Each structure stands twice: as structure tokens, then as C-alpha cells.
Amino acid sequence: MDRILNSKQVGEILGLCAKVIERMARRGEIPAFKAGKFWRFRESDIERWINSQVESACQPCRLQPAF
């Protein structure tokens, strides 16, 4: 079974404060679910999300020709 993390734990992993993590969750920017009034995060979802962010950041930029 997947480990369930709280916003503080995810914040420690990402180097962000818990309030920023909760805001990202509310906006749907990071995979999360509500358990009562608290945001919770599956560890495997966060790992996949981090990998997808790294992969998208590694895509080469397409520069427009300077004409």
C-alpha cells in the first residue's frame, strides 16, 4: 500500500512550505485528495508528478529564428 503524505511532508520533499503545497493542491497543480478538511498525497503520485516536471523541464526549447 502506498504511503500517504500530508502537506508538510510534501513541502519538505519539494522545499516549499505547507501552505504553498495546499494552494497547489486546491488549484489542481499537484496530485492530491481531501481527507476531511486536510489535503493528502499518495507518495507514488508525488514521485510521478516530480518525474513529469523534471522531464518537461528537460525538453529542448524551440527558439524562433531571429529574422
PDB file of N, CA and C in Angstrom:
ATOM      1  N   MET A   1       0.831  -1.188   0.000  1.00  0.00           N
ATOM      2  CA  MET A   1       0.000   0.000   0.000  1.00  0.00           C
ATOM      3  C   MET A   1       0.870   1.244   0.000  1.00  0.00           C
ATOM      4  N   ASP A   2       0.403   2.218  -0.730  1.00  0.00           N
ATOM      5  CA  ASP A   2       1.110   3.497  -0.849  1.00  0.00           C
ATOM      6  C   ASP A   2       1.136   4.256   0.473  1.00  0.00           C
ATOM      7  N   ARG A   3       2.246   4.919   0.711  1.00  0.00           N
ATOM      8  CA  ARG A   3       2.329   5.789   1.875  1.00  0.00           C
ATOM      9  C   ARG A   3       1.549   7.068   1.577  1.00  0.00           C
ATOM     10  N   ILE A   4       0.787   7.562   2.542  1.00  0.00           N
ATOM     11  CA  ILE A   4       0.022   8.794   2.398  1.00  0.00           C
ATOM     12  C   ILE A   4       0.763   9.900   3.145  1.00  0.00           C
ATOM     13  N   LEU A   5       1.002  11.008   2.442  1.00  0.00           N
ATOM     14  CA  LEU A   5       1.757  12.128   2.999  1.00  0.00           C
ATOM     15  C   LEU A   5       0.835  13.305   3.264  1.00  0.00           C
ATOM     16  N   ASN A   6       1.220  14.148   4.215  1.00  0.00           N
ATOM     17  CA  ASN A   6       0.489  15.391   4.441  1.00  0.00           C
ATOM     18  C   ASN A   6       1.212  16.531   3.736  1.00  0.00           C
ATOM     19  N   SER A   7       0.637  17.706   3.760  1.00  0.00           N
ATOM     20  CA  SER A   7       1.216  18.832   3.018  1.00  0.00           C
ATOM     21  C   SER A   7       2.591  19.240   3.559  1.00  0.00           C
ATOM     22  N   LYS A   8       2.805  19.084   4.850  1.00  0.00           N
ATOM     23  CA  LYS A   8       4.120  19.419   5.422  1.00  0.00           C
ATOM     24  C   LYS A   8       5.192  18.466   4.882  1.00  0.00           C
ATOM     25  N   GLN A   9       4.883  17.181   4.820  1.00  0.00           N
ATOM     26  CA  GLN A   9       5.847  16.198   4.316  1.00  0.00           C
ATOM     27  C   GLN A   9       6.165  16.442   2.840  1.00  0.00           C
ATOM     28  N   VAL A  10       5.136  16.734   2.050  1.00  0.00           N
ATOM     29  CA  VAL A  10       5.371  17.018   0.631  1.00  0.00           C
ATOM     30  C   VAL A  10       6.178  18.302   0.497  1.00  0.00           C
ATOM     31  N   GLY A  11       5.881  19.280   1.328  1.00  0.00           N
ATOM     32  CA  GLY A  11       6.646  20.528   1.321  1.00  0.00           C
ATOM     33  C   GLY A  11       8.114  20.301   1.621  1.00  0.00           C
ATOM     34  N   GLU A  12       8.406  19.413   2.552  1.00  0.00           N
ATOM     35  CA  GLU A  12       9.803  19.103   2.877  1.00  0.00           C
ATOM     36  C   GLU A  12      10.499  18.451   1.695  1.00  0.00           C
ATOM     37  N   ILE A  13       9.789  17.590   0.985  1.00  0.00           N
ATOM     38  CA  ILE A  13      10.364  16.925  -0.185  1.00  0.00           C
ATOM     39  C   ILE A  13      10.678  17.952  -1.279  1.00  0.00           C
ATOM     40  N   LEU A  14       9.750  18.888  -1.490  1.00  0.00           N
ATOM     41  CA  LEU A  14       9.887  19.855  -2.585  1.00  0.00           C
ATOM     42  C   LEU A  14      10.589  21.149  -2.176  1.00  0.00           C
ATOM     43  N   GLY A  15      10.854  21.311  -0.884  1.00  0.00           N
ATOM     44  CA  GLY A  15      11.498  22.538  -0.420  1.00  0.00           C
ATOM     45  C   GLY A  15      10.548  23.729  -0.433  1.00  0.00           C
ATOM     46  N   LEU A  16       9.263  23.464  -0.176  1.00  0.00           N
ATOM     47  CA  LEU A  16       8.246  24.511  -0.142  1.00  0.00           C
ATOM     48  C   LEU A  16       7.493  24.422   1.183  1.00  0.00           C
ATOM     49  N   CYS A  17       6.848  25.519   1.574  1.00  0.00           N
ATOM     50  CA  CYS A  17       6.077  25.460   2.817  1.00  0.00           C
ATOM     51  C   CYS A  17       4.741  24.768   2.566  1.00  0.00           C
ATOM     52  N   ALA A  18       4.147  24.271   3.623  1.00  0.00           N
ATOM     53  CA  ALA A  18       2.901  23.514   3.538  1.00  0.00           C
ATOM     54  C   ALA A  18       1.777  24.329   2.907  1.00  0.00           C
ATOM     55  N   LYS A  19       1.719  25.626   3.178  1.00  0.00           N
ATOM     56  CA  LYS A  19       0.659  26.474   2.618  1.00  0.00           C
ATOM     57  C   LYS A  19       0.759  26.541   1.096  1.00  0.00           C
ATOM     58  N   VAL A  20       1.963  26.588   0.556  1.00  0.00           N
ATOM     59  CA  VAL A  20       2.148  26.602  -0.900  1.00  0.00           C
ATOM     60  C   VAL A  20       1.675  25.273  -1.486  1.00  0.00           C
ATOM     61  N   ILE A  21       2.007  24.181  -0.832  1.00  0.00           N
ATOM     62  CA  ILE A  21       1.573  22.856  -1.285  1.00  0.00           C
ATOM     63  C   ILE A  21       0.047  22.778  -1.283  1.00  0.00           C
ATOM     64  N   GLU A  22      -0.589  23.275  -0.226  1.00  0.00           N
ATOM     65  CA  GLU A  22      -2.053  23.259  -0.158  1.00  0.00           C
ATOM     66  C   GLU A  22      -2.676  24.118  -1.254  1.00  0.00           C
ATOM     67  N   ARG A  23      -2.078  25.268  -1.549  1.00  0.00           N
ATOM     68  CA  ARG A  23      -2.568  26.121  -2.633  1.00  0.00           C
ATOM     69  C   ARG A  23      -2.447  25.402  -3.970  1.00  0.00           C
ATOM     70  N   MET A  24      -1.315  24.731  -4.197  1.00  0.00           N
ATOM     71  CA  MET A  24      -1.130  23.968  -5.437  1.00  0.00           C
ATOM     72  C   MET A  24      -2.175  22.860  -5.547  1.00  0.00           C
ATOM     73  N   ALA A  25      -2.480  22.204  -4.429  1.00  0.00           N
ATOM     74  CA  ALA A  25      -3.479  21.137  -4.424  1.00  0.00           C
ATOM     75  C   ALA A  25      -4.861  21.700  -4.756  1.00  0.00           C
ATOM     76  N   ARG A  26      -5.221  22.825  -4.146  1.00  0.00           N
ATOM     77  CA  ARG A  26      -6.516  23.457  -4.418  1.00  0.00           C
ATOM     78  C   ARG A  26      -6.668  23.811  -5.892  1.00  0.00           C
ATOM     79  N   ARG A  27      -5.586  24.262  -6.505  1.00  0.00           N
ATOM     80  CA  ARG A  27      -5.599  24.674  -7.916  1.00  0.00           C
ATOM     81  C   ARG A  27      -5.480  23.489  -8.872  1.00  0.00           C
ATOM     82  N   GLY A  28      -5.237  22.300  -8.338  1.00  0.00           N
ATOM     83  CA  GLY A  28      -5.082  21.122  -9.184  1.00  0.00           C
ATOM     84  C   GLY A  28      -3.724  21.039  -9.853  1.00  0.00           C
ATOM     85  N   GLU A  29      -2.748  21.744  -9.309  1.00  0.00           N
ATOM     86  CA  GLU A  29      -1.404  21.773  -9.885  1.00  0.00           C
ATOM     87  C   GLU A  29      -0.551  20.592  -9.448  1.00  0.00           C
ATOM     88  N   ILE A  30      -0.980  19.893  -8.414  1.00  0.00           N
ATOM     89  CA  ILE A  30      -0.246  18.759  -7.870  1.00  0.00           C
ATOM     90  C   ILE A  30      -1.281  17.689  -7.494  1.00  0.00           C
ATOM     91  N   PRO A  31      -0.989  16.409  -7.704  1.00  0.00           N
ATOM     92  CA  PRO A  31      -1.990  15.376  -7.399  1.00  0.00           C
ATOM     93  C   PRO A  31      -2.247  15.265  -5.893  1.00  0.00           C
ATOM     94  N   ALA A  32      -3.519  15.384  -5.521  1.00  0.00           N
ATOM     95  CA  ALA A  32      -3.879  15.369  -4.100  1.00  0.00           C
ATOM     96  C   ALA A  32      -5.338  14.968  -3.944  1.00  0.00           C
ATOM     97  N   PHE A  33      -5.711  14.676  -2.710  1.00  0.00           N
ATOM     98  CA  PHE A  33      -7.116  14.424  -2.395  1.00  0.00           C
ATOM     99  C   PHE A  33      -7.377  14.943  -0.989  1.00  0.00           C
ATOM    100  N   LYS A  34      -8.639  15.206  -0.717  1.00  0.00           N
ATOM    101  CA  LYS A  34      -9.023  15.703   0.600  1.00  0.00           C
ATOM    102  C   LYS A  34      -9.469  14.539   1.471  1.00  0.00           C
ATOM    103  N   ALA A  35      -8.992  14.517   2.701  1.00  0.00           N
ATOM    104  CA  ALA A  35      -9.448  13.582   3.724  1.00  0.00           C
ATOM    105  C   ALA A  35     -10.018  14.457   4.840  1.00  0.00           C
ATOM    106  N   GLY A  36     -11.328  14.599   4.831  1.00  0.00           N
ATOM    107  CA  GLY A  36     -11.941  15.562   5.739  1.00  0.00           C
ATOM    108  C   GLY A  36     -11.599  16.953   5.261  1.00  0.00           C
ATOM    109  N   LYS A  37     -10.990  17.749   6.122  1.00  0.00           N
ATOM    110  CA  LYS A  37     -10.600  19.098   5.711  1.00  0.00           C
ATOM    111  C   LYS A  37      -9.104  19.203   5.371  1.00  0.00           C
ATOM    112  N   PHE A  38      -8.410  18.087   5.379  1.00  0.00           N
ATOM    113  CA  PHE A  38      -6.963  18.093   5.154  1.00  0.00           C
ATOM    114  C   PHE A  38      -6.606  17.548   3.780  1.00  0.00           C
ATOM    115  N   TRP A  39      -5.597  18.125   3.158  1.00  0.00           N
ATOM    116  CA  TRP A  39      -5.064  17.620   1.895  1.00  0.00           C
ATOM    117  C   TRP A  39      -4.121  16.469   2.183  1.00  0.00           C
ATOM    118  N   ARG A  40      -4.225  15.424   1.376  1.00  0.00           N
ATOM    119  CA  ARG A  40      -3.345  14.261   1.488  1.00  0.00           C
ATOM    120  C   ARG A  40      -2.803  13.930   0.100  1.00  0.00           C
ATOM    121  N   PHE A  41      -1.659  13.255   0.079  1.00  0.00           N
ATOM    122  CA  PHE A  41      -0.929  12.995  -1.158  1.00  0.00           C
ATOM    123  C   PHE A  41      -0.396  11.570  -1.141  1.00  0.00           C
ATOM    124  N   ARG A  42      -0.632  10.824  -2.216  1.00  0.00           N
ATOM    125  CA  ARG A  42      -0.031   9.485  -2.324  1.00  0.00           C
ATOM    126  C   ARG A  42       1.421   9.666  -2.732  1.00  0.00           C
ATOM    127  N   GLU A  43       2.290   8.972  -2.041  1.00  0.00           N
ATOM    128  CA  GLU A  43       3.729   9.093  -2.311  1.00  0.00           C
ATOM    129  C   GLU A  43       4.048   8.770  -3.766  1.00  0.00           C
ATOM    130  N   SER A  44       3.447   7.720  -4.321  1.00  0.00           N
ATOM    131  CA  SER A  44       3.740   7.346  -5.713  1.00  0.00           C
ATOM    132  C   SER A  44       3.255   8.417  -6.689  1.00  0.00           C
ATOM    133  N   ASP A  45       2.109   9.074  -6.391  1.00  0.00           N
ATOM    134  CA  ASP A  45       1.620  10.156  -7.253  1.00  0.00           C
ATOM    135  C   ASP A  45       2.590  11.331  -7.242  1.00  0.00           C
ATOM    136  N   ILE A  46       3.123  11.651  -6.068  1.00  0.00           N
ATOM    137  CA  ILE A  46       4.070  12.761  -5.955  1.00  0.00           C
ATOM    138  C   ILE A  46       5.357  12.425  -6.705  1.00  0.00           C
ATOM    139  N   GLU A  47       5.833  11.189  -6.582  1.00  0.00           N
ATOM    140  CA  GLU A  47       7.044  10.781  -7.310  1.00  0.00           C
ATOM    141  C   GLU A  47       6.836  10.897  -8.817  1.00  0.00           C
ATOM    142  N   ARG A  48       5.683  10.427  -9.304  1.00  0.00           N
ATOM    143  CA  ARG A  48       5.381  10.537 -10.742  1.00  0.00           C
ATOM    144  C   ARG A  48       5.274  11.994 -11.170  1.00  0.00           C
ATOM    145  N   TRP A  49       4.640  12.816 -10.338  1.00  0.00           N
ATOM    146  CA  TRP A  49       4.491  14.232 -10.645  1.00  0.00           C
ATOM    147  C   TRP A  49       5.862  14.911 -10.729  1.00  0.00           C
ATOM    148  N   ILE A  50       6.741  14.613  -9.777  1.00  0.00           N
ATOM    149  CA  ILE A  50       8.101  15.182  -9.797  1.00  0.00           C
ATOM    150  C   ILE A  50       8.813  14.759 -11.077  1.00  0.00           C
ATOM    151  N   ASN A  51       8.744  13.470 -11.423  1.00  0.00           N
ATOM    152  CA  ASN A  51       9.404  12.989 -12.642  1.00  0.00           C
ATOM    153  C   ASN A  51       8.850  13.664 -13.882  1.00  0.00           C
ATOM    154  N   SER A  52       7.545  13.882 -13.936  1.00  0.00           N
ATOM    155  CA  SER A  52       6.958  14.538 -15.105  1.00  0.00           C
ATOM    156  C   SER A  52       7.407  15.993 -15.193  1.00  0.00           C
ATOM    157  N   GLN A  53       7.588  16.646 -14.048  1.00  0.00           N
ATOM    158  CA  GLN A  53       8.056  18.029 -14.043  1.00  0.00           C
ATOM    159  C   GLN A  53       9.503  18.109 -14.525  1.00  0.00           C
ATOM    160  N   VAL A  54      10.313  17.144 -14.085  1.00  0.00           N
ATOM    161  CA  VAL A  54      11.719  17.101 -14.499  1.00  0.00           C
ATOM    162  C   VAL A  54      11.815  16.816 -15.995  1.00  0.00           C
ATOM    163  N   GLU A  55      11.015  15.852 -16.475  1.00  0.00           N
ATOM    164  CA  GLU A  55      11.045  15.505 -17.893  1.00  0.00           C
ATOM    165  C   GLU A  55      10.601  16.669 -18.762  1.00  0.00           C
ATOM    166  N   SER A  56       9.567  17.391 -18.360  1.00  0.00           N
ATOM    167  CA  SER A  56       9.095  18.512 -19.170  1.00  0.00           C
ATOM    168  C   SER A  56      10.095  19.660 -19.143  1.00  0.00           C
ATOM    169  N   ALA A  57      10.836  19.811 -18.049  1.00  0.00           N
ATOM    170  CA  ALA A  57      11.853  20.858 -17.964  1.00  0.00           C
ATOM    171  C   ALA A  57      13.069  20.518 -18.812  1.00  0.00           C
ATOM    172  N   CYS A  58      13.264  19.239 -19.123  1.00  0.00           N
ATOM    173  CA  CYS A  58      14.427  18.814 -19.906  1.00  0.00           C
ATOM    174  C   CYS A  58      14.177  18.872 -21.413  1.00  0.00           C
ATOM    175  N   GLN A  59      12.960  19.175 -21.820  1.00  0.00           N
ATOM    176  CA  GLN A  59      12.669  19.254 -23.245  1.00  0.00           C
ATOM    177  C   GLN A  59      13.426  20.430 -23.840  1.00  0.00           C
ATOM    178  N   PRO A  60      14.011  20.250 -25.024  1.00  0.00           N
ATOM    179  CA  PRO A  60      14.741  21.355 -25.635  1.00  0.00           C
ATOM    180  C   PRO A  60      13.797  22.492 -26.017  1.00  0.00           C
ATOM    181  N   CYS A  61      14.283  23.695 -25.824  1.00  0.00           N
ATOM    182  CA  CYS A  61      13.499  24.860 -26.210  1.00  0.00           C
ATOM    183  C   CYS A  61      13.530  25.020 -27.721  1.00  0.00           C
ATOM    184  N   ARG A  62      12.451  25.438 -28.277  1.00  0.00           N
ATOM    185  CA  ARG A  62      12.410  25.716 -29.716  1.00  0.00           C
ATOM    186  C   ARG A  62      12.483  27.226 -29.894  1.00  0.00           C
ATOM    187  N   LEU A  63      13.634  27.678 -30.265  1.00  0.00           N
ATOM    188  CA  LEU A  63      13.830  29.102 -30.436  1.00  0.00           C
ATOM    189  C   LEU A  63      13.289  29.536 -31.786  1.00  0.00           C
ATOM    190  N   GLN A  64      12.680  30.684 -31.791  1.00  0.00           N
ATOM    191  CA  GLN A  64      12.191  31.257 -33.033  1.00  0.00           C
ATOM    192  C   GLN A  64      13.370  31.910 -33.748  1.00  0.00           C
ATOM    193  N   PRO A  65      13.458  31.728 -35.057  1.00  0.00           N
ATOM    194  CA  PRO A  65      14.546  32.375 -35.788  1.00  0.00           C
ATOM    195  C   PRO A  65      14.427  33.893 -35.671  1.00  0.00           C
ATOM    196  N   ALA A  66      15.559  34.528 -35.536  1.00  0.00           N
ATOM    197  CA  ALA A  66      15.594  35.996 -35.405  1.00  0.00           C
ATOM    198  C   ALA A  66      15.692  36.611 -36.805  1.00  0.00           C
ATOM    199  N   PHE A  67      14.564  36.874 -37.416  1.00  0.00           N
ATOM    200  CA  PHE A  67      14.542  37.481 -38.766  1.00  0.00           C
ATOM    201  C   PHE A  67      14.237  38.932 -38.651  1.00  0.00           C
TER     202      PHE A  67
END
